[in-house]
Amino acid sequence: HHGARLADRYACVVVAQTSTQVSQPWVPDLQAYDVDGGDQPY
């Protein structure tokens, strides 16, 4: 969507995991990804 402007627009992306990856009932896990320099989500 953003092309070459992605790193200018976002430094980090955080995603809520709601279906199978909950650590507690009704509390979804969060996974993050560093757009510039991150190679693995955490």
Full PDB file with SEQRES, HELIX, SHEET, SSBOND, CRYST1, ORIGX, SCALE, CONECT and MASTER records, all heavy atoms in Angstrom:
SEQRES   1 A   42  HIS HIS GLY ALA ARG LEU ALA ASP ARG TYR ALA CYS VAL          
SEQRES   2 A   42  VAL VAL ALA GLN THR SER THR GLN VAL SER GLN PRO TRP          
SEQRES   3 A   42  VAL PRO ASP LEU GLN ALA TYR ASP VAL ASP GLY GLY ASP          
SEQRES   4 A   42  GLN PRO TYR                                                  
HELIX    1 AA1 GLY A    3  ARG A    5  5                                   3    
HELIX    2 AA2 LEU A    6  ARG A    9  1                                   4    
SHEET    1 AA1 2 CYS A  12  GLN A  24  0                                        
SHEET    2 AA1 2 VAL A  27  ASP A  34 -1                                        
CRYST1    1.000    1.000    1.000  90.00  90.00  90.00 P 1           1          
ORIGX1      1.000000  0.000000  0.000000        0.00000                         
ORIGX2      0.000000  1.000000  0.000000        0.00000                         
ORIGX3      0.000000  0.000000  1.000000        0.00000                         
SCALE1      1.000000  0.000000  0.000000        0.00000                         
SCALE2      0.000000  1.000000  0.000000        0.00000                         
SCALE3      0.000000  0.000000  1.000000        0.00000                         
ATOM      1  N   HIS A   1       0.811  -1.218   0.000  1.00  0.00           N  
ATOM      2  CA  HIS A   1       0.000   0.000   0.000  1.00  0.00           C  
ATOM      3  C   HIS A   1       0.852   1.280   0.000  1.00  0.00           C  
ATOM      4  O   HIS A   1       0.548   2.218  -0.723  1.00  0.00           O  
ATOM      5  CB  HIS A   1      -0.934   0.003   1.213  1.00  0.00           C  
ATOM      6  CG  HIS A   1      -1.879   1.154   1.242  1.00  0.00           C  
ATOM      7  ND1 HIS A   1      -3.012   1.201   0.467  1.00  0.00           N  
ATOM      8  CD2 HIS A   1      -1.841   2.318   1.931  1.00  0.00           C  
ATOM      9  CE1 HIS A   1      -3.639   2.343   0.681  1.00  0.00           C  
ATOM     10  NE2 HIS A   1      -2.958   3.038   1.569  1.00  0.00           N  
ATOM     11  N   HIS A   2       1.901   1.301   0.821  1.00  0.00           N  
ATOM     12  CA  HIS A   2       2.697   2.518   0.991  1.00  0.00           C  
ATOM     13  C   HIS A   2       3.987   2.533   0.177  1.00  0.00           C  
ATOM     14  O   HIS A   2       4.621   3.580   0.066  1.00  0.00           O  
ATOM     15  CB  HIS A   2       3.038   2.732   2.471  1.00  0.00           C  
ATOM     16  CG  HIS A   2       1.846   3.024   3.313  1.00  0.00           C  
ATOM     17  ND1 HIS A   2       1.142   4.205   3.240  1.00  0.00           N  
ATOM     18  CD2 HIS A   2       1.209   2.270   4.250  1.00  0.00           C  
ATOM     19  CE1 HIS A   2       0.137   4.176   4.100  1.00  0.00           C  
ATOM     20  NE2 HIS A   2       0.156   3.013   4.714  1.00  0.00           N  
ATOM     21  N   GLY A   3       4.388   1.379  -0.332  1.00  0.00           N  
ATOM     22  CA  GLY A   3       5.602   1.312  -1.147  1.00  0.00           C  
ATOM     23  C   GLY A   3       6.835   1.760  -0.382  1.00  0.00           C  
ATOM     24  O   GLY A   3       7.033   1.417   0.779  1.00  0.00           O  
ATOM     25  N   ALA A   4       7.660   2.573  -1.048  1.00  0.00           N  
ATOM     26  CA  ALA A   4       8.922   3.029  -0.476  1.00  0.00           C  
ATOM     27  C   ALA A   4       8.718   3.926   0.746  1.00  0.00           C  
ATOM     28  O   ALA A   4       9.649   4.139   1.517  1.00  0.00           O  
ATOM     29  CB  ALA A   4       9.732   3.772  -1.535  1.00  0.00           C  
ATOM     30  N   ARG A   5       7.518   4.444   0.954  1.00  0.00           N  
ATOM     31  CA  ARG A   5       7.225   5.326   2.094  1.00  0.00           C  
ATOM     32  C   ARG A   5       6.933   4.552   3.382  1.00  0.00           C  
ATOM     33  O   ARG A   5       6.683   5.167   4.422  1.00  0.00           O  
ATOM     34  CB  ARG A   5       6.029   6.213   1.772  1.00  0.00           C  
ATOM     35  CG  ARG A   5       6.223   7.141   0.602  1.00  0.00           C  
ATOM     36  CD  ARG A   5       4.987   8.023   0.365  1.00  0.00           C  
ATOM     37  NE  ARG A   5       3.754   7.476   0.867  1.00  0.00           N  
ATOM     38  CZ  ARG A   5       2.774   6.970   0.112  1.00  0.00           C  
ATOM     39  NH1 ARG A   5       2.886   6.919  -1.190  1.00  0.00           N  
ATOM     40  NH2 ARG A   5       1.669   6.505   0.665  1.00  0.00           N  
ATOM     41  N   LEU A   6       6.932   3.216   3.326  1.00  0.00           N  
ATOM     42  CA  LEU A   6       6.549   2.425   4.498  1.00  0.00           C  
ATOM     43  C   LEU A   6       7.369   2.789   5.732  1.00  0.00           C  
ATOM     44  O   LEU A   6       6.804   3.050   6.799  1.00  0.00           O  
ATOM     45  CB  LEU A   6       6.662   0.928   4.216  1.00  0.00           C  
ATOM     46  CG  LEU A   6       6.337   0.036   5.415  1.00  0.00           C  
ATOM     47  CD1 LEU A   6       4.872   0.169   5.795  1.00  0.00           C  
ATOM     48  CD2 LEU A   6       6.694  -1.399   5.135  1.00  0.00           C  
ATOM     49  N   ALA A   7       8.687   2.807   5.617  1.00  0.00           N  
ATOM     50  CA  ALA A   7       9.535   3.095   6.781  1.00  0.00           C  
ATOM     51  C   ALA A   7       9.334   4.524   7.288  1.00  0.00           C  
ATOM     52  O   ALA A   7       9.538   4.793   8.471  1.00  0.00           O  
ATOM     53  CB  ALA A   7      11.001   2.845   6.439  1.00  0.00           C  
ATOM     54  N   ASP A   8       8.911   5.437   6.415  1.00  0.00           N  
ATOM     55  CA  ASP A   8       8.621   6.803   6.853  1.00  0.00           C  
ATOM     56  C   ASP A   8       7.309   6.863   7.633  1.00  0.00           C  
ATOM     57  O   ASP A   8       7.119   7.727   8.481  1.00  0.00           O  
ATOM     58  CB  ASP A   8       8.516   7.753   5.658  1.00  0.00           C  
ATOM     59  CG  ASP A   8       9.835   7.918   4.936  1.00  0.00           C  
ATOM     60  OD1 ASP A   8      10.894   7.730   5.570  1.00  0.00           O  
ATOM     61  OD2 ASP A   8       9.796   8.204   3.732  1.00  0.00           O  
ATOM     62  N   ARG A   9       6.415   5.958   7.332  1.00  0.00           N  
ATOM     63  CA  ARG A   9       5.083   5.969   7.945  1.00  0.00           C  
ATOM     64  C   ARG A   9       5.028   5.121   9.220  1.00  0.00           C  
ATOM     65  O   ARG A   9       4.349   5.480  10.173  1.00  0.00           O  
ATOM     66  CB  ARG A   9       4.073   5.456   6.930  1.00  0.00           C  
ATOM     67  CG  ARG A   9       2.652   5.503   7.389  1.00  0.00           C  
ATOM     68  CD  ARG A   9       1.781   6.295   6.454  1.00  0.00           C  
ATOM     69  NE  ARG A   9       0.393   6.193   6.854  1.00  0.00           N  
ATOM     70  CZ  ARG A   9      -0.230   7.139   7.555  1.00  0.00           C  
ATOM     71  NH1 ARG A   9       0.381   8.243   7.889  1.00  0.00           N  
ATOM     72  NH2 ARG A   9      -1.496   6.983   7.891  1.00  0.00           N  
ATOM     73  N   TYR A  10       5.713   3.985   9.228  1.00  0.00           N  
ATOM     74  CA  TYR A  10       5.658   3.060  10.371  1.00  0.00           C  
ATOM     75  C   TYR A  10       7.049   2.613  10.778  1.00  0.00           C  
ATOM     76  O   TYR A  10       7.837   2.185   9.946  1.00  0.00           O  
ATOM     77  CB  TYR A  10       4.848   1.805  10.019  1.00  0.00           C  
ATOM     78  CG  TYR A  10       3.421   2.096   9.673  1.00  0.00           C  
ATOM     79  CD1 TYR A  10       2.979   2.040   8.360  1.00  0.00           C  
ATOM     80  CD2 TYR A  10       2.501   2.436  10.655  1.00  0.00           C  
ATOM     81  CE1 TYR A  10       1.663   2.313   8.032  1.00  0.00           C  
ATOM     82  CE2 TYR A  10       1.187   2.714  10.335  1.00  0.00           C  
ATOM     83  CZ  TYR A  10       0.781   2.654   9.019  1.00  0.00           C  
ATOM     84  OH  TYR A  10      -0.518   2.933   8.711  1.00  0.00           O  
ATOM     85  N   ALA A  11       7.318   2.666  12.068  1.00  0.00           N  
ATOM     86  CA  ALA A  11       8.553   2.123  12.615  1.00  0.00           C  
ATOM     87  C   ALA A  11       8.299   0.743  13.215  1.00  0.00           C  
ATOM     88  O   ALA A  11       9.172  -0.114  13.219  1.00  0.00           O  
ATOM     89  CB  ALA A  11       9.117   3.052  13.682  1.00  0.00           C  
ATOM     90  N   CYS A  12       7.077   0.529  13.702  1.00  0.00           N  
ATOM     91  CA  CYS A  12       6.739  -0.731  14.369  1.00  0.00           C  
ATOM     92  C   CYS A  12       5.280  -1.078  14.086  1.00  0.00           C  
ATOM     93  O   CYS A  12       4.426  -0.192  14.034  1.00  0.00           O  
ATOM     94  CB  CYS A  12       6.964  -0.592  15.870  1.00  0.00           C  
ATOM     95  SG  CYS A  12       6.686  -2.103  16.811  1.00  0.00           S  
ATOM     96  N   VAL A  13       5.034  -2.362  13.889  1.00  0.00           N  
ATOM     97  CA  VAL A  13       3.683  -2.875  13.660  1.00  0.00           C  
ATOM     98  C   VAL A  13       3.360  -3.850  14.788  1.00  0.00           C  
ATOM     99  O   VAL A  13       4.128  -4.778  15.043  1.00  0.00           O  
ATOM    100  CB  VAL A  13       3.596  -3.591  12.291  1.00  0.00           C  
ATOM    101  CG1 VAL A  13       2.230  -4.215  12.093  1.00  0.00           C  
ATOM    102  CG2 VAL A  13       3.933  -2.631  11.157  1.00  0.00           C  
ATOM    103  N   VAL A  14       2.243  -3.623  15.479  1.00  0.00           N  
ATOM    104  CA  VAL A  14       1.809  -4.496  16.564  1.00  0.00           C  
ATOM    105  C   VAL A  14       0.472  -5.102  16.156  1.00  0.00           C  
ATOM    106  O   VAL A  14      -0.438  -4.389  15.736  1.00  0.00           O  
ATOM    107  CB  VAL A  14       1.648  -3.721  17.891  1.00  0.00           C  
ATOM    108  CG1 VAL A  14       1.186  -4.656  19.006  1.00  0.00           C  
ATOM    109  CG2 VAL A  14       2.940  -3.025  18.267  1.00  0.00           C  
ATOM    110  N   VAL A  15       0.359  -6.432  16.281  1.00  0.00           N  
ATOM    111  CA  VAL A  15      -0.834  -7.145  15.833  1.00  0.00           C  
ATOM    112  C   VAL A  15      -1.437  -7.927  17.000  1.00  0.00           C  
ATOM    113  O   VAL A  15      -0.732  -8.668  17.682  1.00  0.00           O  
ATOM    114  CB  VAL A  15      -0.493  -8.111  14.678  1.00  0.00           C  
ATOM    115  CG1 VAL A  15      -1.730  -8.822  14.185  1.00  0.00           C  
ATOM    116  CG2 VAL A  15       0.197  -7.370  13.538  1.00  0.00           C  
ATOM    117  N   ALA A  16      -2.740  -7.766  17.207  1.00  0.00           N  
ATOM    118  CA  ALA A  16      -3.457  -8.530  18.228  1.00  0.00           C  
ATOM    119  C   ALA A  16      -3.792  -9.911  17.664  1.00  0.00           C  
ATOM    120  O   ALA A  16      -4.322 -10.032  16.568  1.00  0.00           O  
ATOM    121  CB  ALA A  16      -4.740  -7.814  18.633  1.00  0.00           C  
ATOM    122  N   GLN A  17      -3.468 -10.943  18.428  1.00  0.00           N  
ATOM    123  CA  GLN A  17      -3.742 -12.329  18.045  1.00  0.00           C  
ATOM    124  C   GLN A  17      -4.903 -12.827  18.891  1.00  0.00           C  
ATOM    125  O   GLN A  17      -4.746 -13.033  20.079  1.00  0.00           O  
ATOM    126  CB  GLN A  17      -2.507 -13.195  18.298  1.00  0.00           C  
ATOM    127  CG  GLN A  17      -1.267 -12.714  17.592  1.00  0.00           C  
ATOM    128  CD  GLN A  17      -1.389 -12.865  16.093  1.00  0.00           C  
ATOM    129  OE1 GLN A  17      -1.800 -13.899  15.587  1.00  0.00           O  
ATOM    130  NE2 GLN A  17      -1.052 -11.832  15.377  1.00  0.00           N  
ATOM    131  N   THR A  18      -6.066 -13.016  18.286  1.00  0.00           N  
ATOM    132  CA  THR A  18      -7.248 -13.262  19.103  1.00  0.00           C  
ATOM    133  C   THR A  18      -7.799 -14.674  19.087  1.00  0.00           C  
ATOM    134  O   THR A  18      -8.545 -15.029  19.983  1.00  0.00           O  
ATOM    135  CB  THR A  18      -8.391 -12.325  18.681  1.00  0.00           C  
ATOM    136  OG1 THR A  18      -8.680 -12.558  17.316  1.00  0.00           O  
ATOM    137  CG2 THR A  18      -8.019 -10.891  18.896  1.00  0.00           C  
ATOM    138  N   SER A  19      -7.505 -15.468  18.111  1.00  0.00           N  
ATOM    139  CA  SER A  19      -8.163 -16.772  18.031  1.00  0.00           C  
ATOM    140  C   SER A  19      -7.476 -17.836  18.859  1.00  0.00           C  
ATOM    141  O   SER A  19      -7.979 -18.252  19.891  1.00  0.00           O  
ATOM    142  CB  SER A  19      -8.258 -17.237  16.578  1.00  0.00           C  
ATOM    143  OG  SER A  19      -9.137 -16.415  15.877  1.00  0.00           O  
ATOM    144  N   THR A  20      -6.332 -18.283  18.426  1.00  0.00           N  
ATOM    145  CA  THR A  20      -5.706 -19.431  19.081  1.00  0.00           C  
ATOM    146  C   THR A  20      -4.565 -19.057  20.001  1.00  0.00           C  
ATOM    147  O   THR A  20      -4.084 -19.897  20.729  1.00  0.00           O  
ATOM    148  CB  THR A  20      -5.155 -20.402  18.019  1.00  0.00           C  
ATOM    149  OG1 THR A  20      -4.193 -19.687  17.229  1.00  0.00           O  
ATOM    150  CG2 THR A  20      -6.252 -20.939  17.143  1.00  0.00           C  
ATOM    151  N   GLN A  21      -4.132 -17.808  19.980  1.00  0.00           N  
ATOM    152  CA  GLN A  21      -2.919 -17.465  20.691  1.00  0.00           C  
ATOM    153  C   GLN A  21      -3.187 -16.579  21.898  1.00  0.00           C  
ATOM    154  O   GLN A  21      -2.525 -15.581  22.107  1.00  0.00           O  
ATOM    155  CB  GLN A  21      -1.957 -16.789  19.731  1.00  0.00           C  
ATOM    156  CG  GLN A  21      -1.571 -17.723  18.615  1.00  0.00           C  
ATOM    157  CD  GLN A  21      -0.950 -16.979  17.461  1.00  0.00           C  
ATOM    158  OE1 GLN A  21      -1.424 -15.929  17.077  1.00  0.00           O  
ATOM    159  NE2 GLN A  21       0.098 -17.528  16.910  1.00  0.00           N  
ATOM    160  N   VAL A  22      -4.141 -16.966  22.698  1.00  0.00           N  
ATOM    161  CA  VAL A  22      -4.412 -16.188  23.901  1.00  0.00           C  
ATOM    162  C   VAL A  22      -3.696 -16.828  25.078  1.00  0.00           C  
ATOM    163  O   VAL A  22      -3.692 -18.037  25.238  1.00  0.00           O  
ATOM    164  CB  VAL A  22      -5.931 -16.037  24.186  1.00  0.00           C  
ATOM    165  CG1 VAL A  22      -6.593 -15.205  23.122  1.00  0.00           C  
ATOM    166  CG2 VAL A  22      -6.605 -17.371  24.300  1.00  0.00           C  
ATOM    167  N   SER A  23      -3.074 -16.004  25.898  1.00  0.00           N  
ATOM    168  CA  SER A  23      -2.362 -16.523  27.058  1.00  0.00           C  
ATOM    169  C   SER A  23      -3.280 -16.611  28.264  1.00  0.00           C  
ATOM    170  O   SER A  23      -3.050 -17.380  29.167  1.00  0.00           O  
ATOM    171  CB  SER A  23      -1.149 -15.648  27.377  1.00  0.00           C  
ATOM    172  OG  SER A  23      -1.566 -14.313  27.555  1.00  0.00           O  
ATOM    173  N   GLN A  24      -4.322 -15.807  28.274  1.00  0.00           N  
ATOM    174  CA  GLN A  24      -5.327 -15.820  29.312  1.00  0.00           C  
ATOM    175  C   GLN A  24      -6.677 -15.708  28.612  1.00  0.00           C  
ATOM    176  O   GLN A  24      -6.752 -15.126  27.535  1.00  0.00           O  
ATOM    177  CB  GLN A  24      -5.156 -14.636  30.245  1.00  0.00           C  
ATOM    178  CG  GLN A  24      -3.822 -14.568  30.937  1.00  0.00           C  
ATOM    179  CD  GLN A  24      -3.691 -13.264  31.704  1.00  0.00           C  
ATOM    180  OE1 GLN A  24      -4.660 -12.687  32.152  1.00  0.00           O  
ATOM    181  NE2 GLN A  24      -2.469 -12.797  31.846  1.00  0.00           N  
ATOM    182  N   PRO A  25      -7.745 -16.225  29.197  1.00  0.00           N  
ATOM    183  CA  PRO A  25      -9.051 -16.074  28.547  1.00  0.00           C  
ATOM    184  C   PRO A  25      -9.362 -14.605  28.281  1.00  0.00           C  
ATOM    185  O   PRO A  25      -9.197 -13.756  29.157  1.00  0.00           O  
ATOM    186  CB  PRO A  25     -10.024 -16.674  29.569  1.00  0.00           C  
ATOM    187  CG  PRO A  25      -9.189 -17.583  30.402  1.00  0.00           C  
ATOM    188  CD  PRO A  25      -7.821 -16.963  30.445  1.00  0.00           C  
ATOM    189  N   TRP A  26      -9.741 -14.294  27.086  1.00  0.00           N  
ATOM    190  CA  TRP A  26     -10.169 -12.971  26.648  1.00  0.00           C  
ATOM    191  C   TRP A  26      -9.045 -11.935  26.576  1.00  0.00           C  
ATOM    192  O   TRP A  26      -9.304 -10.755  26.417  1.00  0.00           O  
ATOM    193  CB  TRP A  26     -11.317 -12.433  27.508  1.00  0.00           C  
ATOM    194  CG  TRP A  26     -12.403 -13.442  27.661  1.00  0.00           C  
ATOM    195  CD1 TRP A  26     -12.716 -14.141  28.789  1.00  0.00           C  
ATOM    196  CD2 TRP A  26     -13.305 -13.897  26.659  1.00  0.00           C  
ATOM    197  NE1 TRP A  26     -13.754 -15.005  28.558  1.00  0.00           N  
ATOM    198  CE2 TRP A  26     -14.141 -14.876  27.227  1.00  0.00           C  
ATOM    199  CE3 TRP A  26     -13.493 -13.620  25.313  1.00  0.00           C  
ATOM    200  CZ2 TRP A  26     -15.126 -15.545  26.532  1.00  0.00           C  
ATOM    201  CZ3 TRP A  26     -14.490 -14.292  24.620  1.00  0.00           C  
ATOM    202  CH2 TRP A  26     -15.289 -15.239  25.230  1.00  0.00           C  
ATOM    203  N   VAL A  27      -7.797 -12.371  26.719  1.00  0.00           N  
ATOM    204  CA  VAL A  27      -6.670 -11.443  26.598  1.00  0.00           C  
ATOM    205  C   VAL A  27      -5.773 -11.925  25.455  1.00  0.00           C  
ATOM    206  O   VAL A  27      -4.992 -12.840  25.629  1.00  0.00           O  
ATOM    207  CB  VAL A  27      -5.850 -11.359  27.908  1.00  0.00           C  
ATOM    208  CG1 VAL A  27      -4.695 -10.379  27.749  1.00  0.00           C  
ATOM    209  CG2 VAL A  27      -6.738 -10.971  29.071  1.00  0.00           C  
ATOM    210  N   PRO A  28      -5.900 -11.309  24.286  1.00  0.00           N  
ATOM    211  CA  PRO A  28      -5.097 -11.759  23.160  1.00  0.00           C  
ATOM    212  C   PRO A  28      -3.613 -11.428  23.317  1.00  0.00           C  
ATOM    213  O   PRO A  28      -3.254 -10.422  23.938  1.00  0.00           O  
ATOM    214  CB  PRO A  28      -5.675 -11.005  21.960  1.00  0.00           C  
ATOM    215  CG  PRO A  28      -6.577  -9.987  22.499  1.00  0.00           C  
ATOM    216  CD  PRO A  28      -6.808 -10.247  23.939  1.00  0.00           C  
ATOM    217  N   ASP A  29      -2.790 -12.290  22.771  1.00  0.00           N  
ATOM    218  CA  ASP A  29      -1.363 -12.006  22.698  1.00  0.00           C  
ATOM    219  C   ASP A  29      -1.124 -10.884  21.701  1.00  0.00           C  
ATOM    220  O   ASP A  29      -1.922 -10.671  20.785  1.00  0.00           O  
ATOM    221  CB  ASP A  29      -0.589 -13.241  22.228  1.00  0.00           C  
ATOM    222  CG  ASP A  29      -0.355 -14.255  23.331  1.00  0.00           C  
ATOM    223  OD1 ASP A  29      -0.523 -13.909  24.513  1.00  0.00           O  
ATOM    224  OD2 ASP A  29       0.001 -15.396  23.002  1.00  0.00           O  
ATOM    225  N   LEU A  30      -0.030 -10.180  21.877  1.00  0.00           N  
ATOM    226  CA  LEU A  30       0.372  -9.140  20.940  1.00  0.00           C  
ATOM    227  C   LEU A  30       1.719  -9.519  20.342  1.00  0.00           C  
ATOM    228  O   LEU A  30       2.645  -9.878  21.074  1.00  0.00           O  
ATOM    229  CB  LEU A  30       0.518  -7.787  21.647  1.00  0.00           C  
ATOM    230  CG  LEU A  30      -0.741  -7.191  22.247  1.00  0.00           C  
ATOM    231  CD1 LEU A  30      -0.401  -5.905  22.997  1.00  0.00           C  
ATOM    232  CD2 LEU A  30      -1.766  -6.916  21.170  1.00  0.00           C  
ATOM    233  N   GLN A  31       1.810  -9.449  19.028  1.00  0.00           N  
ATOM    234  CA  GLN A  31       3.078  -9.662  18.349  1.00  0.00           C  
ATOM    235  C   GLN A  31       3.478  -8.361  17.674  1.00  0.00           C  
ATOM    236  O   GLN A  31       2.637  -7.677  17.083  1.00  0.00           O  
ATOM    237  CB  GLN A  31       2.985 -10.771  17.314  1.00  0.00           C  
ATOM    238  CG  GLN A  31       2.946 -12.155  17.903  1.00  0.00           C  
ATOM    239  CD  GLN A  31       3.094 -13.210  16.824  1.00  0.00           C  
ATOM    240  OE1 GLN A  31       2.921 -12.953  15.649  1.00  0.00           O  
ATOM    241  NE2 GLN A  31       3.425 -14.413  17.241  1.00  0.00           N  
ATOM    242  N   ALA A  32       4.751  -8.029  17.763  1.00  0.00           N  
ATOM    243  CA  ALA A  32       5.265  -6.800  17.165  1.00  0.00           C  
ATOM    244  C   ALA A  32       6.333  -7.137  16.141  1.00  0.00           C  
ATOM    245  O   ALA A  32       6.959  -8.204  16.193  1.00  0.00           O  
ATOM    246  CB  ALA A  32       5.837  -5.888  18.245  1.00  0.00           C  
ATOM    247  N   TYR A  33       6.519  -6.204  15.211  1.00  0.00           N  
ATOM    248  CA  TYR A  33       7.535  -6.355  14.170  1.00  0.00           C  
ATOM    249  C   TYR A  33       8.136  -4.984  13.913  1.00  0.00           C  
ATOM    250  O   TYR A  33       7.410  -4.031  13.626  1.00  0.00           O  
ATOM    251  CB  TYR A  33       6.888  -6.910  12.897  1.00  0.00           C  
ATOM    252  CG  TYR A  33       7.862  -7.155  11.778  1.00  0.00           C  
ATOM    253  CD1 TYR A  33       8.664  -8.283  11.778  1.00  0.00           C  
ATOM    254  CD2 TYR A  33       7.978  -6.258  10.727  1.00  0.00           C  
ATOM    255  CE1 TYR A  33       9.562  -8.517  10.744  1.00  0.00           C  
ATOM    256  CE2 TYR A  33       8.866  -6.483   9.692  1.00  0.00           C  
ATOM    257  CZ  TYR A  33       9.657  -7.617   9.708  1.00  0.00           C  
ATOM    258  OH  TYR A  33      10.543  -7.851   8.686  1.00  0.00           O  
ATOM    259  N   ASP A  34       9.456  -4.874  14.052  1.00  0.00           N  
ATOM    260  CA  ASP A  34      10.151  -3.627  13.788  1.00  0.00           C  
ATOM    261  C   ASP A  34      10.395  -3.517  12.284  1.00  0.00           C  
ATOM    262  O   ASP A  34      11.080  -4.362  11.706  1.00  0.00           O  
ATOM    263  CB  ASP A  34      11.469  -3.562  14.553  1.00  0.00           C  
ATOM    264  CG  ASP A  34      11.263  -3.568  16.061  1.00  0.00           C  
ATOM    265  OD1 ASP A  34      10.147  -3.273  16.509  1.00  0.00           O  
ATOM    266  OD2 ASP A  34      12.235  -3.871  16.787  1.00  0.00           O  
ATOM    267  N   VAL A  35       9.813  -2.516  11.653  1.00  0.00           N  
ATOM    268  CA  VAL A  35       9.848  -2.390  10.194  1.00  0.00           C  
ATOM    269  C   VAL A  35      11.266  -2.209   9.685  1.00  0.00           C  
ATOM    270  O   VAL A  35      11.663  -2.814   8.701  1.00  0.00           O  
ATOM    271  CB  VAL A  35       8.950  -1.220   9.731  1.00  0.00           C  
ATOM    272  CG1 VAL A  35       9.103  -0.961   8.246  1.00  0.00           C  
ATOM    273  CG2 VAL A  35       7.490  -1.522  10.072  1.00  0.00           C  
ATOM    274  N   ASP A  36      12.056  -1.392  10.344  1.00  0.00           N  
ATOM    275  CA  ASP A  36      13.409  -1.125   9.885  1.00  0.00           C  
ATOM    276  C   ASP A  36      14.401  -1.806  10.821  1.00  0.00           C  
ATOM    277  O   ASP A  36      14.628  -1.343  11.925  1.00  0.00           O  
ATOM    278  CB  ASP A  36      13.660   0.383   9.849  1.00  0.00           C  
ATOM    279  CG  ASP A  36      14.953   0.749   9.147  1.00  0.00           C  
ATOM    280  OD1 ASP A  36      15.476  -0.081   8.383  1.00  0.00           O  
ATOM    281  OD2 ASP A  36      15.438   1.868   9.360  1.00  0.00           O  
ATOM    282  N   GLY A  37      14.943  -2.925  10.383  1.00  0.00           N  
ATOM    283  CA  GLY A  37      15.942  -3.596  11.191  1.00  0.00           C  
ATOM    284  C   GLY A  37      15.465  -4.829  11.921  1.00  0.00           C  
ATOM    285  O   GLY A  37      16.265  -5.558  12.475  1.00  0.00           O  
ATOM    286  N   GLY A  38      14.185  -5.086  11.959  1.00  0.00           N  
ATOM    287  CA  GLY A  38      13.705  -6.288  12.621  1.00  0.00           C  
ATOM    288  C   GLY A  38      13.502  -7.398  11.614  1.00  0.00           C  
ATOM    289  O   GLY A  38      12.956  -7.168  10.549  1.00  0.00           O  
ATOM    290  N   ASP A  39      13.983  -8.583  11.941  1.00  0.00           N  
ATOM    291  CA  ASP A  39      13.766  -9.672  10.999  1.00  0.00           C  
ATOM    292  C   ASP A  39      12.791 -10.708  11.539  1.00  0.00           C  
ATOM    293  O   ASP A  39      12.288 -11.527  10.804  1.00  0.00           O  
ATOM    294  CB  ASP A  39      15.085 -10.332  10.601  1.00  0.00           C  
ATOM    295  CG  ASP A  39      15.813 -10.933  11.798  1.00  0.00           C  
ATOM    296  OD1 ASP A  39      15.466 -10.604  12.944  1.00  0.00           O  
ATOM    297  OD2 ASP A  39      16.735 -11.736  11.574  1.00  0.00           O  
ATOM    298  N   GLN A  40      12.511 -10.652  12.822  1.00  0.00           N  
ATOM    299  CA  GLN A  40      11.605 -11.605  13.429  1.00  0.00           C  
ATOM    300  C   GLN A  40      10.572 -10.875  14.289  1.00  0.00           C  
ATOM    301  O   GLN A  40      10.913  -9.937  15.004  1.00  0.00           O  
ATOM    302  CB  GLN A  40      12.371 -12.584  14.324  1.00  0.00           C  
ATOM    303  CG  GLN A  40      13.295 -13.510  13.580  1.00  0.00           C  
ATOM    304  CD  GLN A  40      12.532 -14.456  12.679  1.00  0.00           C  
ATOM    305  OE1 GLN A  40      11.494 -14.996  13.051  1.00  0.00           O  
ATOM    306  NE2 GLN A  40      13.023 -14.652  11.470  1.00  0.00           N  
ATOM    307  N   PRO A  41       9.320 -11.323  14.230  1.00  0.00           N  
ATOM    308  CA  PRO A  41       8.327 -10.767  15.154  1.00  0.00           C  
ATOM    309  C   PRO A  41       8.663 -11.180  16.588  1.00  0.00           C  
ATOM    310  O   PRO A  41       9.363 -12.164  16.811  1.00  0.00           O  
ATOM    311  CB  PRO A  41       7.010 -11.391  14.698  1.00  0.00           C  
ATOM    312  CG  PRO A  41       7.330 -12.360  13.647  1.00  0.00           C  
ATOM    313  CD  PRO A  41       8.774 -12.300  13.327  1.00  0.00           C  
ATOM    314  N   TYR A  42       8.172 -10.424  17.536  1.00  0.00           N  
ATOM    315  CA  TYR A  42       8.401 -10.734  18.941  1.00  0.00           C  
ATOM    316  C   TYR A  42       7.123 -10.428  19.712  1.00  0.00           C  
ATOM    317  O   TYR A  42       6.286  -9.657  19.269  1.00  0.00           O  
ATOM    318  CB  TYR A  42       9.587  -9.943  19.504  1.00  0.00           C  
ATOM    319  CG  TYR A  42       9.522  -8.450  19.299  1.00  0.00           C  
ATOM    320  CD1 TYR A  42       9.001  -7.611  20.281  1.00  0.00           C  
ATOM    321  CD2 TYR A  42      10.004  -7.870  18.124  1.00  0.00           C  
ATOM    322  CE1 TYR A  42       8.951  -6.240  20.091  1.00  0.00           C  
ATOM    323  CE2 TYR A  42       9.958  -6.492  17.936  1.00  0.00           C  
ATOM    324  CZ  TYR A  42       9.427  -5.691  18.917  1.00  0.00           C  
ATOM    325  OH  TYR A  42       9.381  -4.331  18.732  1.00  0.00           O  
TER     326      TYR A  42                                                      
MASTER        0    0    0    2    2    0    0    6  325    1    0    4          
END                                                                             
